[in-house]
Amino acid sequence: LGVNNGDARKFRVQLESIVGQSIATYGEPVVLVGWSLGGYIAREYAREHPEGVRRIVTLGSPVIGGPRYTATSEWYRSRGHDLAEMERAIKSRYATPLRVPVTAIYSKRDGIVAWQACIDKWSPDVRHIEVNETHVGLGFAPRVLAIVADEQAIAGGVVMMSVTVFCMASPVTNVTSPPTFSTSAFSSGWFTASMKALRSAATRSAGTFGGVSIGRPMTE
């Protein structure tokens, strides 16, 4: 999908085309696995197109506040984004229920996204699973990959196809958070992770960093 420029809506529109092509080819709804921002994009796509999504799995994805409670907040502010307005806009989307089952994997060791921002208290069918990984580790840890594989099996057995969204776009320092959140200071550059690396780590891969993966019916 491209490099993150803060425009999640643009990526959601792009994902619509990609998922549509998958459904047209295989004739079945997809399973979406999203890492970080990718999880938010997957959820919002499914909110608008529930008939096309069988299940969603998110890895360290903020479902409230957008980037406000993440280590990328200053990067967004420096580019003119109003984080308070973004948070209000995201909250307003819950007026349309998310009807697709969601498994939300999160970690209190996450130094990018405040773990509390990963907790969905409003959607009707969400299961939260806590793991003990870093934000980057969520895409590689064997336990997380095993959970994702189990969720795919519950959904009917799928093979993963990757659509990447790089969600860490610049160095981040001096992170601050509201008192109710606990986001660690984190300094990072560009992060990428490929499906090729993930496939070598597990029979069924989990996704890409900051990305969305599309699951299709198992044919192997």
C-alpha atoms as a PDB file:
ATOM      1  CA  LEU A   1       0.000   0.000   0.000  1.00  0.00           C
ATOM      2  CA  GLY A   2       2.932   2.348   0.443  1.00  0.00           C
ATOM      3  CA  VAL A   3       4.742   4.417   3.062  1.00  0.00           C
ATOM      4  CA  ASN A   4       2.678   5.829   5.912  1.00  0.00           C
ATOM      5  CA  ASN A   5       1.977   9.535   5.463  1.00  0.00           C
ATOM      6  CA  GLY A   6      -0.720   9.698   8.117  1.00  0.00           C
ATOM      7  CA  ASP A   7      -3.600   9.233   5.678  1.00  0.00           C
ATOM      8  CA  ALA A   8      -5.207   6.000   6.887  1.00  0.00           C
ATOM      9  CA  ARG A   9      -8.287   6.722   4.781  1.00  0.00           C
ATOM     10  CA  LYS A  10      -6.223   6.504   1.595  1.00  0.00           C
ATOM     11  CA  PHE A  11      -4.856   3.106   2.579  1.00  0.00           C
ATOM     12  CA  ARG A  12      -8.349   1.875   3.445  1.00  0.00           C
ATOM     13  CA  VAL A  13      -9.524   2.769  -0.049  1.00  0.00           C
ATOM     14  CA  GLN A  14      -6.547   0.957  -1.576  1.00  0.00           C
ATOM     15  CA  LEU A  15      -7.263  -2.096   0.550  1.00  0.00           C
ATOM     16  CA  GLU A  16     -10.833  -2.146  -0.751  1.00  0.00           C
ATOM     17  CA  SER A  17      -9.572  -2.734  -4.262  1.00  0.00           C
ATOM     18  CA  ILE A  18      -7.124  -5.448  -3.202  1.00  0.00           C
ATOM     19  CA  VAL A  19      -9.662  -7.338  -1.103  1.00  0.00           C
ATOM     20  CA  GLY A  20     -12.211  -7.041  -3.887  1.00  0.00           C
ATOM     21  CA  GLN A  21      -9.793  -8.689  -6.291  1.00  0.00           C
ATOM     22  CA  SER A  22      -9.160 -11.518  -3.822  1.00  0.00           C
ATOM     23  CA  ILE A  23     -12.870 -12.165  -3.321  1.00  0.00           C
ATOM     24  CA  ALA A  24     -13.464 -12.093  -7.077  1.00  0.00           C
ATOM     25  CA  THR A  25     -10.674 -14.633  -7.577  1.00  0.00           C
ATOM     26  CA  TYR A  26     -11.427 -17.063  -4.750  1.00  0.00           C
ATOM     27  CA  GLY A  27     -15.124 -16.454  -4.167  1.00  0.00           C
ATOM     28  CA  GLU A  28     -14.892 -16.260  -0.363  1.00  0.00           C
ATOM     29  CA  PRO A  29     -14.442 -13.602   2.334  1.00  0.00           C
ATOM     30  CA  VAL A  30     -10.926 -12.918   3.529  1.00  0.00           C
ATOM     31  CA  VAL A  31      -9.156 -12.980   6.879  1.00  0.00           C
ATOM     32  CA  LEU A  32      -7.238  -9.782   7.602  1.00  0.00           C
ATOM     33  CA  VAL A  33      -4.204  -9.722   9.882  1.00  0.00           C
ATOM     34  CA  GLY A  34      -2.982  -6.220  10.658  1.00  0.00           C
ATOM     35  CA  TRP A  35       0.141  -5.122  12.507  1.00  0.00           C
ATOM     36  CA  SER A  36       0.042  -1.732  14.261  1.00  0.00           C
ATOM     37  CA  LEU A  37      -1.573   0.822  11.913  1.00  0.00           C
ATOM     38  CA  GLY A  38      -2.386  -2.065   9.587  1.00  0.00           C
ATOM     39  CA  GLY A  39      -4.725  -3.494  12.214  1.00  0.00           C
ATOM     40  CA  TYR A  40      -6.656  -0.248  12.405  1.00  0.00           C
ATOM     41  CA  ILE A  41      -6.973  -0.144   8.626  1.00  0.00           C
ATOM     42  CA  ALA A  42      -8.161  -3.775   8.567  1.00  0.00           C
ATOM     43  CA  ARG A  43     -10.782  -3.067  11.250  1.00  0.00           C
ATOM     44  CA  GLU A  44     -12.126   0.011   9.505  1.00  0.00           C
ATOM     45  CA  TYR A  45     -12.292  -1.775   6.171  1.00  0.00           C
ATOM     46  CA  ALA A  46     -14.283  -4.556   7.843  1.00  0.00           C
ATOM     47  CA  ARG A  47     -16.556  -2.020   9.514  1.00  0.00           C
ATOM     48  CA  GLU A  48     -17.545  -0.764   6.078  1.00  0.00           C
ATOM     49  CA  HIS A  49     -17.505  -4.145   4.291  1.00  0.00           C
ATOM     50  CA  PRO A  50     -18.402  -6.863   6.842  1.00  0.00           C
ATOM     51  CA  GLU A  51     -19.663  -9.203   4.143  1.00  0.00           C
ATOM     52  CA  GLY A  52     -16.152  -9.455   2.689  1.00  0.00           C
ATOM     53  CA  VAL A  53     -14.221 -10.234   5.879  1.00  0.00           C
ATOM     54  CA  ARG A  54     -14.381 -13.496   7.802  1.00  0.00           C
ATOM     55  CA  ARG A  55     -12.163 -12.501  10.740  1.00  0.00           C
ATOM     56  CA  ILE A  56      -9.650  -9.853  11.833  1.00  0.00           C
ATOM     57  CA  VAL A  57      -6.484 -10.349  13.860  1.00  0.00           C
ATOM     58  CA  THR A  58      -4.654  -7.242  15.083  1.00  0.00           C
ATOM     59  CA  LEU A  59      -1.126  -7.036  16.505  1.00  0.00           C
ATOM     60  CA  GLY A  60      -0.444  -4.038  18.727  1.00  0.00           C
ATOM     61  CA  SER A  61      -2.999  -1.916  16.887  1.00  0.00           C
ATOM     62  CA  PRO A  62      -4.373   1.290  18.444  1.00  0.00           C
ATOM     63  CA  VAL A  63      -8.178   1.258  18.279  1.00  0.00           C
ATOM     64  CA  ILE A  64      -8.681   4.515  20.152  1.00  0.00           C
ATOM     65  CA  GLY A  65      -6.895   7.807  19.705  1.00  0.00           C
ATOM     66  CA  GLY A  66      -5.216   7.025  16.416  1.00  0.00           C
ATOM     67  CA  PRO A  67      -1.558   8.035  16.794  1.00  0.00           C
ATOM     68  CA  ARG A  68      -2.244  10.146  19.894  1.00  0.00           C
ATOM     69  CA  TYR A  69      -1.205   7.427  22.337  1.00  0.00           C
ATOM     70  CA  THR A  70       1.713   6.128  20.326  1.00  0.00           C
ATOM     71  CA  ALA A  71       5.378   6.985  19.988  1.00  0.00           C
ATOM     72  CA  THR A  72       4.613   8.528  16.598  1.00  0.00           C
ATOM     73  CA  SER A  73       2.445  11.324  18.040  1.00  0.00           C
ATOM     74  CA  GLU A  74       5.049  14.064  17.677  1.00  0.00           C
ATOM     75  CA  TRP A  75       5.767  13.021  14.100  1.00  0.00           C
ATOM     76  CA  TYR A  76       2.074  13.454  13.262  1.00  0.00           C
ATOM     77  CA  ARG A  77       1.908  16.796  15.089  1.00  0.00           C
ATOM     78  CA  SER A  78       4.976  18.065  13.252  1.00  0.00           C
ATOM     79  CA  ARG A  79       3.153  17.441   9.981  1.00  0.00           C
ATOM     80  CA  GLY A  80       0.118  19.458  10.978  1.00  0.00           C
ATOM     81  CA  HIS A  81      -2.223  16.708  12.153  1.00  0.00           C
ATOM     82  CA  ASP A  82      -4.692  17.620  14.900  1.00  0.00           C
ATOM     83  CA  LEU A  83      -4.480  14.576  17.156  1.00  0.00           C
ATOM     84  CA  ALA A  84      -7.464  15.554  19.296  1.00  0.00           C
ATOM     85  CA  GLU A  85      -9.610  15.840  16.174  1.00  0.00           C
ATOM     86  CA  MET A  86      -8.280  12.519  14.881  1.00  0.00           C
ATOM     87  CA  GLU A  87      -9.244  10.889  18.189  1.00  0.00           C
ATOM     88  CA  ARG A  88     -12.768  12.323  17.975  1.00  0.00           C
ATOM     89  CA  ALA A  89     -13.156  11.154  14.387  1.00  0.00           C
ATOM     90  CA  ILE A  90     -12.038   7.630  15.284  1.00  0.00           C
ATOM     91  CA  LYS A  91     -14.406   7.494  18.242  1.00  0.00           C
ATOM     92  CA  SER A  92     -17.319   8.587  16.044  1.00  0.00           C
ATOM     93  CA  ARG A  93     -16.800   5.578  13.781  1.00  0.00           C
ATOM     94  CA  TYR A  94     -17.963   3.282  16.583  1.00  0.00           C
ATOM     95  CA  ALA A  95     -21.471   4.527  15.856  1.00  0.00           C
ATOM     96  CA  THR A  96     -21.318   1.875  13.127  1.00  0.00           C
ATOM     97  CA  PRO A  97     -20.745  -1.423  14.955  1.00  0.00           C
ATOM     98  CA  LEU A  98     -17.854  -3.646  13.917  1.00  0.00           C
ATOM     99  CA  ARG A  99     -19.692  -6.903  13.282  1.00  0.00           C
ATOM    100  CA  VAL A 100     -16.713  -9.028  12.216  1.00  0.00           C
ATOM    101  CA  PRO A 101     -15.021 -11.169  14.925  1.00  0.00           C
ATOM    102  CA  VAL A 102     -11.752  -9.620  16.115  1.00  0.00           C
ATOM    103  CA  THR A 103      -8.805 -11.106  17.956  1.00  0.00           C
ATOM    104  CA  ALA A 104      -6.700  -8.280  19.392  1.00  0.00           C
ATOM    105  CA  ILE A 105      -3.180  -9.260  20.417  1.00  0.00           C
ATOM    106  CA  TYR A 106      -1.380  -6.690  22.570  1.00  0.00           C
ATOM    107  CA  SER A 107       1.570  -6.387  24.932  1.00  0.00           C
ATOM    108  CA  LYS A 108       2.303  -4.272  27.989  1.00  0.00           C
ATOM    109  CA  ARG A 109       5.926  -4.251  26.799  1.00  0.00           C
ATOM    110  CA  ASP A 110       4.899  -2.420  23.631  1.00  0.00           C
ATOM    111  CA  GLY A 111       7.051   0.705  23.395  1.00  0.00           C
ATOM    112  CA  ILE A 112       5.277   2.085  20.333  1.00  0.00           C
ATOM    113  CA  VAL A 113       1.574   1.833  21.134  1.00  0.00           C
ATOM    114  CA  ALA A 114       0.174   2.278  24.644  1.00  0.00           C
ATOM    115  CA  TRP A 115      -1.366  -1.102  25.394  1.00  0.00           C
ATOM    116  CA  GLN A 116      -4.544   0.510  26.745  1.00  0.00           C
ATOM    117  CA  ALA A 117      -5.150   1.971  23.286  1.00  0.00           C
ATOM    118  CA  CYS A 118      -5.356  -1.595  21.924  1.00  0.00           C
ATOM    119  CA  ILE A 119      -8.339  -2.507  24.119  1.00  0.00           C
ATOM    120  CA  ASP A 120     -11.692  -2.347  22.330  1.00  0.00           C
ATOM    121  CA  LYS A 121     -14.477  -1.887  24.879  1.00  0.00           C
ATOM    122  CA  TRP A 122     -17.238  -1.129  22.386  1.00  0.00           C
ATOM    123  CA  SER A 123     -17.272  -3.729  19.618  1.00  0.00           C
ATOM    124  CA  PRO A 124     -19.484  -6.771  20.292  1.00  0.00           C
ATOM    125  CA  ASP A 125     -17.174  -9.628  19.286  1.00  0.00           C
ATOM    126  CA  VAL A 126     -13.597  -8.930  20.375  1.00  0.00           C
ATOM    127  CA  ARG A 127     -11.219 -11.288  22.164  1.00  0.00           C
ATOM    128  CA  HIS A 128      -8.108  -9.711  23.694  1.00  0.00           C
ATOM    129  CA  ILE A 129      -4.954 -11.765  24.111  1.00  0.00           C
ATOM    130  CA  GLU A 130      -2.003 -10.403  26.085  1.00  0.00           C
ATOM    131  CA  VAL A 131       1.495 -11.514  25.136  1.00  0.00           C
ATOM    132  CA  ASN A 132       4.927 -10.495  26.410  1.00  0.00           C
ATOM    133  CA  GLU A 133       6.545  -9.075  23.286  1.00  0.00           C
ATOM    134  CA  THR A 134       7.837  -5.741  22.075  1.00  0.00           C
ATOM    135  CA  HIS A 135       5.958  -3.947  19.307  1.00  0.00           C
ATOM    136  CA  VAL A 136       8.433  -5.119  16.680  1.00  0.00           C
ATOM    137  CA  GLY A 137       8.507  -8.595  18.207  1.00  0.00           C
ATOM    138  CA  LEU A 138       4.775  -9.032  17.699  1.00  0.00           C
ATOM    139  CA  GLY A 139       5.413  -9.863  14.065  1.00  0.00           C
ATOM    140  CA  PHE A 140       8.049 -12.517  14.719  1.00  0.00           C
ATOM    141  CA  ALA A 141       7.487 -14.174  18.101  1.00  0.00           C
ATOM    142  CA  PRO A 142       6.637 -17.890  17.772  1.00  0.00           C
ATOM    143  CA  ARG A 143       3.825 -17.633  20.319  1.00  0.00           C
ATOM    144  CA  VAL A 144       2.196 -14.780  18.396  1.00  0.00           C
ATOM    145  CA  LEU A 145       2.574 -16.606  15.093  1.00  0.00           C
ATOM    146  CA  ALA A 146       0.960 -19.660  16.686  1.00  0.00           C
ATOM    147  CA  ILE A 147      -2.001 -17.587  17.884  1.00  0.00           C
ATOM    148  CA  VAL A 148      -2.450 -16.136  14.418  1.00  0.00           C
ATOM    149  CA  ALA A 149      -2.316 -19.625  12.894  1.00  0.00           C
ATOM    150  CA  ASP A 150      -4.963 -20.817  15.365  1.00  0.00           C
ATOM    151  CA  GLU A 151      -7.207 -17.884  14.508  1.00  0.00           C
ATOM    152  CA  GLN A 152      -6.827 -18.659  10.832  1.00  0.00           C
ATOM    153  CA  ALA A 153      -7.810 -22.251  11.502  1.00  0.00           C
ATOM    154  CA  ILE A 154     -10.900 -21.136  13.426  1.00  0.00           C
ATOM    155  CA  ALA A 155     -11.838 -18.982  10.463  1.00  0.00           C
ATOM    156  CA  GLY A 156     -11.674 -21.977   8.148  1.00  0.00           C
ATOM    157  CA  GLY A 157      -8.017 -22.348   7.211  1.00  0.00           C
ATOM    158  CA  VAL A 158      -6.294 -19.692   5.160  1.00  0.00           C
ATOM    159  CA  VAL A 159      -3.005 -18.869   3.558  1.00  0.00           C
ATOM    160  CA  MET A 160      -1.643 -15.377   4.116  1.00  0.00           C
ATOM    161  CA  MET A 161      -1.054 -12.819   1.400  1.00  0.00           C
ATOM    162  CA  SER A 162       0.750  -9.637   2.384  1.00  0.00           C
ATOM    163  CA  VAL A 163      -0.139  -6.018   1.743  1.00  0.00           C
ATOM    164  CA  THR A 164       2.406  -3.815   3.467  1.00  0.00           C
ATOM    165  CA  VAL A 165       1.950  -0.454   5.163  1.00  0.00           C
ATOM    166  CA  PHE A 166       5.080   0.867   6.802  1.00  0.00           C
ATOM    167  CA  CYS A 167       3.847   2.603   9.893  1.00  0.00           C
ATOM    168  CA  MET A 168       7.037   3.863  11.531  1.00  0.00           C
ATOM    169  CA  ALA A 169       8.157   6.731   9.386  1.00  0.00           C
ATOM    170  CA  SER A 170      10.760   8.766  11.293  1.00  0.00           C
ATOM    171  CA  PRO A 171      12.852   8.912  14.445  1.00  0.00           C
ATOM    172  CA  VAL A 172      10.723   9.441  17.546  1.00  0.00           C
ATOM    173  CA  THR A 173      11.954  10.816  20.861  1.00  0.00           C
ATOM    174  CA  ASN A 174      10.591  12.517  23.974  1.00  0.00           C
ATOM    175  CA  VAL A 175       7.359  10.573  23.986  1.00  0.00           C
ATOM    176  CA  THR A 176       4.675  11.900  26.312  1.00  0.00           C
ATOM    177  CA  SER A 177       1.350  10.321  27.188  1.00  0.00           C
ATOM    178  CA  PRO A 178      -1.751  11.145  29.196  1.00  0.00           C
ATOM    179  CA  PRO A 179      -1.521   9.926  32.808  1.00  0.00           C
ATOM    180  CA  THR A 180      -3.853   6.999  32.086  1.00  0.00           C
ATOM    181  CA  PHE A 181      -1.509   5.596  29.453  1.00  0.00           C
ATOM    182  CA  SER A 182       1.986   4.203  29.746  1.00  0.00           C
ATOM    183  CA  THR A 183       3.892   4.550  26.487  1.00  0.00           C
ATOM    184  CA  SER A 184       7.654   4.042  26.762  1.00  0.00           C
ATOM    185  CA  ALA A 185      10.039   6.450  25.086  1.00  0.00           C
ATOM    186  CA  PHE A 186      11.202   4.855  21.867  1.00  0.00           C
ATOM    187  CA  SER A 187      13.638   5.974  19.211  1.00  0.00           C
ATOM    188  CA  SER A 188      13.338   4.365  15.814  1.00  0.00           C
ATOM    189  CA  GLY A 189      14.061   4.760  12.149  1.00  0.00           C
ATOM    190  CA  TRP A 190      12.424   3.029   9.224  1.00  0.00           C
ATOM    191  CA  PHE A 191      11.130  -0.457  10.001  1.00  0.00           C
ATOM    192  CA  THR A 192      10.170  -3.060   7.459  1.00  0.00           C
ATOM    193  CA  ALA A 193       9.491  -6.764   7.645  1.00  0.00           C
ATOM    194  CA  SER A 194       8.704  -9.033   4.753  1.00  0.00           C
ATOM    195  CA  MET A 195       6.335 -11.931   4.477  1.00  0.00           C
ATOM    196  CA  LYS A 196       9.291 -13.983   3.225  1.00  0.00           C
ATOM    197  CA  ALA A 197      10.965 -13.667   6.627  1.00  0.00           C
ATOM    198  CA  LEU A 198       7.755 -14.465   8.451  1.00  0.00           C
ATOM    199  CA  ARG A 199       7.023 -17.484   6.292  1.00  0.00           C
ATOM    200  CA  SER A 200      10.421 -18.895   7.219  1.00  0.00           C
ATOM    201  CA  ALA A 201       9.503 -18.556  10.901  1.00  0.00           C
ATOM    202  CA  ALA A 202       6.172 -20.372  10.773  1.00  0.00           C
ATOM    203  CA  THR A 203       4.105 -22.534   8.475  1.00  0.00           C
ATOM    204  CA  ARG A 204       1.420 -19.852   8.463  1.00  0.00           C
ATOM    205  CA  SER A 205       2.782 -16.334   8.611  1.00  0.00           C
ATOM    206  CA  ALA A 206       1.414 -13.551  10.774  1.00  0.00           C
ATOM    207  CA  GLY A 207       1.710 -10.415   8.724  1.00  0.00           C
ATOM    208  CA  THR A 208       4.020  -7.487   8.088  1.00  0.00           C
ATOM    209  CA  PHE A 209       5.175  -4.669  10.278  1.00  0.00           C
ATOM    210  CA  GLY A 210       2.491  -2.040  10.291  1.00  0.00           C
ATOM    211  CA  GLY A 211       0.832  -4.019   7.557  1.00  0.00           C
ATOM    212  CA  VAL A 212      -2.305  -5.766   6.557  1.00  0.00           C
ATOM    213  CA  SER A 213      -2.274  -9.366   5.405  1.00  0.00           C
ATOM    214  CA  ILE A 214      -5.094 -10.922   3.459  1.00  0.00           C
ATOM    215  CA  GLY A 215      -6.073 -14.505   4.064  1.00  0.00           C
ATOM    216  CA  ARG A 216      -7.657 -16.558   1.299  1.00  0.00           C
ATOM    217  CA  PRO A 217      -9.081 -20.105   1.282  1.00  0.00           C
ATOM    218  CA  MET A 218      -6.418 -22.741   1.845  1.00  0.00           C
ATOM    219  CA  THR A 219      -5.522 -24.414  -1.423  1.00  0.00           C
ATOM    220  CA  GLU A 220      -2.330 -26.144  -0.400  1.00  0.00           C
END
